């Protein structure tokens, strides 16, 4: 079993544009990786902030 963890920092004021890029380019390429089963990510901006 393998896992890949990524951290994305969205630039303030460009969140929607960057989210579209993630959904249109990154996600489709990751889904094509051999053995890909599922992907998970935060659904709110607050959830995306690191916990310190």
Protein backbone atom coordinates (compact mmCIF):
# COMPACT_ATOMS: atom_id res chain seq x y z
CA UNK A 1 0.00 0.00 0.00
CA UNK A 2 1.21 3.50 -0.85
CA UNK A 3 0.05 6.99 0.04
CA UNK A 4 0.90 10.41 -1.33
CA UNK A 5 0.39 13.49 0.81
CA UNK A 6 0.46 16.96 -0.73
CA UNK A 7 0.19 20.41 0.79
CA UNK A 8 -1.24 23.21 -1.31
CA UNK A 9 -0.92 26.88 -0.42
CA UNK A 10 -3.44 28.95 -2.31
CA UNK A 11 -2.58 32.54 -3.10
CA UNK A 12 -5.06 34.95 -1.53
CA UNK A 13 -7.39 36.40 -4.15
CA UNK A 14 -6.68 33.56 -6.63
CA UNK A 15 -8.25 30.65 -4.73
CA UNK A 16 -10.97 29.93 -7.31
CA UNK A 17 -8.54 30.02 -10.25
CA UNK A 18 -6.10 27.75 -8.44
CA UNK A 19 -8.86 25.35 -7.37
CA UNK A 20 -9.97 25.06 -11.02
CA UNK A 21 -6.39 24.27 -12.07
CA UNK A 22 -6.19 21.59 -9.42
CA UNK A 23 -9.48 20.03 -10.51
CA UNK A 24 -8.80 20.29 -14.25
CA UNK A 25 -5.12 19.32 -14.41
CA UNK A 26 -3.76 17.74 -11.26
CA UNK A 27 -6.67 15.51 -10.22
CA UNK A 28 -7.17 13.88 -13.66
CA UNK A 29 -3.47 13.03 -13.97
CA UNK A 30 -3.35 11.58 -10.46
CA UNK A 31 -6.47 9.49 -11.13
CA UNK A 32 -4.68 7.85 -14.09
CA UNK A 33 -1.81 6.60 -11.93
CA UNK A 34 -1.61 2.79 -11.77
CA UNK A 35 -3.32 1.51 -8.63
CA UNK A 36 -5.10 4.78 -7.83
CA UNK A 37 -8.07 4.05 -5.57
CA UNK A 38 -9.27 7.31 -4.00
CA UNK A 39 -8.34 10.89 -3.23
CA UNK A 40 -9.35 13.06 -0.30
CA UNK A 41 -9.04 16.76 0.40
CA UNK A 42 -10.46 19.50 2.58
CA UNK A 43 -13.80 20.94 1.54
CA UNK A 44 -13.50 24.33 3.23
CA UNK A 45 -10.84 27.00 3.40
CA UNK A 46 -10.76 26.70 7.19
CA UNK A 47 -10.12 22.95 6.95
CA UNK A 48 -7.22 23.66 4.60
CA UNK A 49 -5.29 25.64 7.22
CA UNK A 50 -2.60 23.77 9.09
CA UNK A 51 -3.15 23.00 12.75
CA UNK A 52 -0.35 24.31 14.95
